[in-house]
N, C-alpha and C. Protein backbone atom coordinates (compact mmCIF):
# COMPACT_ATOMS: atom_id res chain seq x y z
N MET A 1 80.57 67.02 112.36
CA MET A 1 81.91 67.72 112.51
C MET A 1 82.75 66.81 112.63
N GLU A 2 84.17 66.61 112.12
CA GLU A 2 85.32 66.36 111.92
C GLU A 2 86.07 66.97 112.81
N ILE A 3 87.36 66.87 113.76
CA ILE A 3 87.92 67.86 114.35
C ILE A 3 89.34 67.08 114.10
N SER A 4 90.26 68.14 113.46
CA SER A 4 91.68 67.91 113.05
C SER A 4 92.56 68.25 114.37
N PHE A 5 93.67 67.24 114.02
CA PHE A 5 94.48 67.20 115.22
C PHE A 5 95.69 67.16 114.50
N GLU A 6 95.93 67.32 113.67
CA GLU A 6 97.25 67.34 113.08
C GLU A 6 98.26 68.29 113.44
N SER A 7 97.56 70.13 114.26
CA SER A 7 98.18 70.59 114.62
C SER A 7 98.85 70.17 115.99
N LEU A 8 98.72 69.46 116.23
CA LEU A 8 99.75 68.97 117.67
C LEU A 8 101.05 68.99 117.40
N GLU A 9 101.97 69.43 118.33
CA GLU A 9 102.91 69.50 118.23
C GLU A 9 103.77 68.48 119.15
N THR A 10 103.06 68.19 119.82
CA THR A 10 103.36 67.32 121.37
C THR A 10 102.65 65.91 121.20
N PRO A 11 103.06 64.20 121.87
CA PRO A 11 101.81 63.36 121.62
C PRO A 11 101.06 63.35 122.59
N ALA A 12 101.37 64.27 123.53
CA ALA A 12 100.48 64.31 124.78
C ALA A 12 99.27 65.65 124.54
N LEU A 13 97.82 65.54 124.42
CA LEU A 13 96.94 66.19 124.56
C LEU A 13 96.94 67.24 125.47
N THR A 14 97.33 68.17 125.70
CA THR A 14 97.14 69.61 126.50
C THR A 14 95.76 69.78 126.94
N LYS A 15 95.55 70.83 128.17
CA LYS A 15 94.17 71.53 127.89
C LYS A 15 94.50 72.83 126.79
N ALA A 16 95.38 73.51 126.87
CA ALA A 16 95.51 74.69 125.79
C ALA A 16 95.22 74.00 124.81
N GLN A 17 96.33 73.04 124.19
CA GLN A 17 95.36 72.58 122.94
C GLN A 17 93.90 72.30 122.42
N LEU A 18 93.54 71.60 123.82
CA LEU A 18 91.64 71.66 123.92
C LEU A 18 91.55 72.87 123.50
N ALA A 19 91.66 73.74 124.29
CA ALA A 19 90.86 75.39 123.79
C ALA A 19 91.27 75.48 122.74
N GLU A 20 92.49 75.65 122.09
CA GLU A 20 92.70 76.09 120.91
C GLU A 20 92.07 74.93 120.28
N LEU A 21 91.66 74.21 120.20
CA LEU A 21 90.80 73.25 119.07
C LEU A 21 89.41 73.97 119.11
N LEU A 22 88.97 74.33 120.12
CA LEU A 22 87.47 75.03 120.02
C LEU A 22 87.51 76.10 119.73
N PHE A 23 88.78 76.76 120.19
CA PHE A 23 88.74 78.41 119.53
C PHE A 23 88.76 77.96 117.84
N ASP A 24 89.52 77.30 117.10
CA ASP A 24 90.20 77.52 115.41
C ASP A 24 88.21 76.41 115.30
N GLN A 25 87.79 75.27 115.71
CA GLN A 25 87.16 74.54 115.00
C GLN A 25 85.61 74.65 115.10
N ILE A 26 85.68 75.40 116.34
CA ILE A 26 84.29 75.46 116.83
C ILE A 26 83.89 76.82 116.29
N GLY A 27 84.88 78.18 117.20
CA GLY A 27 84.52 79.11 116.76
C GLY A 27 84.78 80.33 118.12
N LEU A 28 84.41 79.36 119.01
CA LEU A 28 84.53 80.25 120.60
C LEU A 28 85.71 80.85 120.71
N ASN A 29 85.18 81.93 121.50
CA ASN A 29 86.61 83.05 121.61
C ASN A 29 87.56 82.32 122.56
N LYS A 30 89.00 82.78 122.69
CA LYS A 30 89.80 82.12 123.17
C LYS A 30 89.68 81.93 124.62
N ARG A 31 88.98 82.86 125.63
CA ARG A 31 88.53 82.90 126.75
C ARG A 31 87.62 81.88 127.05
N GLU A 32 86.45 82.06 126.18
CA GLU A 32 85.33 80.92 126.49
C GLU A 32 85.74 79.69 125.86
N SER A 33 86.72 79.24 125.49
CA SER A 33 87.13 78.14 125.07
C SER A 33 88.16 77.55 126.19
N LYS A 34 89.30 78.72 126.89
CA LYS A 34 89.56 77.69 127.47
C LYS A 34 89.03 77.68 129.17
N ASP A 35 87.54 78.82 129.13
CA ASP A 35 86.77 78.61 130.17
C ASP A 35 86.14 77.11 130.16
N MET A 36 85.21 77.07 129.16
CA MET A 36 85.15 75.94 128.87
C MET A 36 85.67 74.81 129.44
N ILE A 37 86.94 74.56 128.76
CA ILE A 37 87.79 73.29 129.09
C ILE A 37 87.78 73.15 130.79
N ASP A 38 88.53 74.16 131.23
CA ASP A 38 88.58 74.45 132.61
C ASP A 38 87.11 73.87 133.43
N ALA A 39 86.12 74.63 133.00
CA ALA A 39 84.82 73.82 133.57
C ALA A 39 84.69 72.65 133.66
N PHE A 40 85.14 72.18 132.34
CA PHE A 40 84.74 71.02 132.30
C PHE A 40 85.64 69.82 133.24
N PHE A 41 86.93 70.18 133.33
CA PHE A 41 88.26 69.43 134.10
C PHE A 41 87.46 69.19 135.48
N ASP A 42 87.19 71.01 135.86
CA ASP A 42 87.04 71.05 137.35
C ASP A 42 85.80 70.03 137.64
N LEU A 43 84.81 70.21 136.98
CA LEU A 43 83.64 69.37 137.08
C LEU A 43 84.00 67.74 137.29
N ILE A 44 84.79 67.14 136.56
CA ILE A 44 84.97 65.85 136.56
C ILE A 44 85.65 65.72 137.94
N SER A 45 86.69 66.47 138.10
CA SER A 45 87.36 66.40 139.63
C SER A 45 86.61 66.42 140.68
N GLN A 46 85.97 67.19 140.45
CA GLN A 46 85.02 67.56 141.66
C GLN A 46 84.39 66.58 142.23
N LYS A 47 83.85 65.99 141.03
CA LYS A 47 82.65 64.24 141.06
C LYS A 47 83.56 63.42 141.89
N LEU A 48 84.80 63.27 140.95
CA LEU A 48 85.59 62.29 141.63
C LEU A 48 85.74 62.09 142.79
N VAL A 49 86.30 63.35 143.25
CA VAL A 49 86.64 64.14 145.23
C VAL A 49 85.59 63.67 145.49
N GLU A 50 84.78 63.85 145.57
CA GLU A 50 83.16 63.30 145.75
C GLU A 50 82.85 62.06 146.26
N GLY A 51 83.72 61.33 145.55
CA GLY A 51 83.35 59.94 145.27
C GLY A 51 82.31 59.38 144.35
N GLU A 52 81.92 60.17 143.32
CA GLU A 52 81.20 59.81 142.24
C GLU A 52 81.81 58.89 141.01
N ASP A 53 81.00 58.25 140.69
CA ASP A 53 81.55 58.36 139.08
C ASP A 53 81.48 58.83 138.20
N VAL A 54 82.37 58.87 137.16
CA VAL A 54 82.30 60.01 136.10
C VAL A 54 82.00 59.09 134.97
N LYS A 55 80.87 58.79 133.95
CA LYS A 55 80.29 58.57 132.49
C LYS A 55 80.86 59.06 131.71
N ILE A 56 81.21 59.43 130.75
CA ILE A 56 81.13 59.80 129.55
C ILE A 56 81.09 59.19 128.35
N SER A 57 79.69 59.18 128.03
CA SER A 57 79.60 57.96 126.82
C SER A 57 79.93 58.09 125.59
N GLY A 58 80.27 56.95 125.29
CA GLY A 58 81.25 56.52 124.17
C GLY A 58 82.66 56.88 124.30
N PHE A 59 82.96 57.32 126.01
CA PHE A 59 84.21 57.24 126.04
C PHE A 59 84.92 56.37 126.90
N GLY A 60 84.06 57.07 128.64
CA GLY A 60 84.36 55.76 129.18
C GLY A 60 84.01 56.35 130.98
N ASN A 61 84.59 55.17 131.73
CA ASN A 61 83.99 56.09 132.87
C ASN A 61 85.22 55.87 133.94
N PHE A 62 85.59 56.67 134.48
CA PHE A 62 86.83 57.63 135.61
C PHE A 62 86.17 56.88 137.15
N GLN A 63 86.78 56.30 138.14
CA GLN A 63 85.83 55.87 139.23
C GLN A 63 86.90 55.64 140.00
N ILE A 64 86.58 56.24 141.80
CA ILE A 64 87.42 56.09 142.85
C ILE A 64 87.77 54.64 143.18
N ARG A 65 88.92 54.14 143.90
CA ARG A 65 89.06 52.83 144.28
C ARG A 65 89.94 53.22 145.30
N THR A 66 89.44 52.36 146.38
CA THR A 66 90.02 52.57 147.67
C THR A 66 90.83 51.48 147.61
N LYS A 67 92.20 51.73 147.97
CA LYS A 67 92.71 50.45 148.09
C LYS A 67 93.25 50.59 149.41
N ALA A 68 93.69 48.93 149.86
CA ALA A 68 93.87 49.13 151.72
C ALA A 68 95.32 49.46 151.31
N ALA A 69 95.53 49.16 153.05
CA ALA A 69 96.77 49.29 153.35
C ALA A 69 97.62 47.97 153.15
N ARG A 70 98.86 47.76 152.63
CA ARG A 70 99.63 46.74 152.30
C ARG A 70 100.60 46.35 152.75
N PRO A 71 101.67 45.79 152.86
CA PRO A 71 103.27 45.82 152.94
C PRO A 71 103.54 45.86 152.07
N GLY A 72 104.90 46.22 151.38
CA GLY A 72 105.16 46.32 150.36
C GLY A 72 107.10 46.58 150.89
N ARG A 73 108.25 46.47 149.97
CA ARG A 73 108.87 46.82 150.04
C ARG A 73 109.91 48.20 149.07
N ASN A 74 111.02 48.33 149.81
CA ASN A 74 111.96 49.33 148.82
C ASN A 74 113.08 48.22 147.94
N PRO A 75 112.57 48.46 146.34
CA PRO A 75 113.28 47.98 145.43
C PRO A 75 114.68 47.95 145.47
N ARG A 76 115.29 49.54 145.75
CA ARG A 76 116.83 49.16 145.78
C ARG A 76 117.13 48.55 147.22
N THR A 77 116.60 49.20 148.23
CA THR A 77 117.23 48.31 149.32
C THR A 77 116.82 46.70 150.31
N GLY A 78 115.55 46.62 149.21
CA GLY A 78 115.38 45.46 149.82
C GLY A 78 113.96 46.01 151.44
N GLU A 79 114.37 46.94 151.65
CA GLU A 79 113.86 47.13 153.11
C GLU A 79 112.16 46.87 152.92
N SER A 80 111.62 46.24 154.28
CA SER A 80 110.31 46.80 153.80
C SER A 80 109.80 47.43 154.72
N ILE A 81 108.71 48.42 153.68
CA ILE A 81 107.75 49.46 153.93
C ILE A 81 106.38 49.28 154.24
N PRO A 82 105.64 49.87 155.07
CA PRO A 82 103.99 49.59 154.77
C PRO A 82 103.58 51.02 154.25
N ILE A 83 102.54 50.06 152.89
CA ILE A 83 101.86 51.38 152.16
C ILE A 83 100.59 51.41 152.83
N GLU A 84 100.37 52.85 153.13
CA GLU A 84 99.19 53.34 153.84
C GLU A 84 98.11 53.49 152.30
N ALA A 85 96.53 53.25 153.19
CA ALA A 85 95.73 52.74 152.37
C ALA A 85 95.21 54.06 151.45
N ARG A 86 94.94 54.06 150.67
CA ARG A 86 94.41 55.11 149.65
C ARG A 86 93.56 54.99 149.00
N ARG A 87 92.91 56.41 148.61
CA ARG A 87 92.22 56.21 146.87
C ARG A 87 92.49 57.12 146.10
N VAL A 88 92.47 55.68 144.58
CA VAL A 88 92.95 56.12 143.33
C VAL A 88 91.74 56.41 142.62
N VAL A 89 92.17 57.10 141.29
CA VAL A 89 91.43 56.99 140.00
C VAL A 89 91.28 55.95 138.83
N THR A 90 90.41 54.95 138.51
CA THR A 90 90.72 54.24 137.34
C THR A 90 89.66 54.47 136.40
N PHE A 91 90.66 53.92 135.00
CA PHE A 91 89.67 54.52 133.90
C PHE A 91 89.26 53.37 133.13
N HIS A 92 88.03 52.96 132.80
CA HIS A 92 87.86 51.65 131.70
C HIS A 92 87.15 52.89 131.05
N ALA A 93 87.51 52.39 129.47
CA ALA A 93 87.43 52.89 127.74
C ALA A 93 86.13 51.85 128.14
N SER A 94 85.34 52.58 126.99
CA SER A 94 84.33 52.05 126.65
C SER A 94 84.44 51.17 125.61
N HIS A 95 83.31 50.28 124.91
CA HIS A 95 83.53 49.43 124.00
C HIS A 95 83.63 50.05 122.54
N LYS A 96 82.95 51.54 122.21
CA LYS A 96 83.28 52.15 121.30
C LYS A 96 84.56 52.99 121.38
N LEU A 97 85.16 53.06 122.43
CA LEU A 97 86.51 53.95 121.91
C LEU A 97 87.40 52.59 121.78
N LYS A 98 87.72 51.55 122.59
CA LYS A 98 88.31 50.78 122.35
C LYS A 98 88.14 50.06 120.80
N GLU A 99 87.01 49.95 120.36
CA GLU A 99 86.84 49.61 119.12
C GLU A 99 87.70 50.11 118.12
N HIS A 100 87.47 51.47 118.46
CA HIS A 100 87.98 52.55 117.69
C HIS A 100 89.29 52.89 117.84
N ILE A 101 89.91 52.25 118.63
CA ILE A 101 91.15 52.40 118.68
C ILE A 101 91.87 50.82 118.19
N GLN A 102 91.45 49.64 118.41
CA GLN A 102 91.25 48.64 117.52
C GLN A 102 91.47 48.40 116.33
N GLY A 103 90.67 49.74 115.62
CA GLY A 103 90.39 50.01 114.20
C GLY A 103 89.33 49.41 113.41
N ASP A 104 88.31 48.70 114.68
CA ASP A 104 87.38 48.11 114.09
C ASP A 104 85.94 48.77 113.73
N SER A 105 85.81 50.17 113.95
CA SER A 105 84.81 50.89 113.98
C SER A 105 84.39 51.01 112.07
N GLY A 106 84.92 50.62 112.15
CA GLY A 106 84.41 50.79 110.44
C GLY A 106 84.76 52.39 109.65
N LEU A 107 85.44 53.09 110.22
CA LEU A 107 86.11 54.31 109.72
C LEU A 107 87.58 53.61 109.25
N ASP A 108 87.56 54.75 107.96
CA ASP A 108 88.79 54.48 107.36
C ASP A 108 90.60 54.43 108.33
N ALA A 109 91.24 53.70 108.32
CA ALA A 109 92.41 54.20 108.69
C ALA A 109 93.33 54.96 108.27
N GLU A 110 93.63 55.82 108.38
CA GLU A 110 94.74 56.89 107.79
C GLU A 110 96.13 56.21 108.09
């Protein structure tokens, strides 16, 4: 099955647009589409908050990384300010996604 994105009005793909694509191209009703998208992202968020990695085959990996406290500075004033330790989410694209983006996947470029 091929999913078409030509109807996208903005350069960013939103959750609402994903739900609309499920409705249009897979045949789920609008409520089911919205609920499925919300559940998908809620599950990813929950696992990341719990400190677990999220791996989506053929797409990439989301990981939590703990950054240590460090000294920083305000670029406008030059004043030194401490940057507190924090947790951040990182994303690493899979080799398949990288190849597809580069056009090396053997798919016809349009």
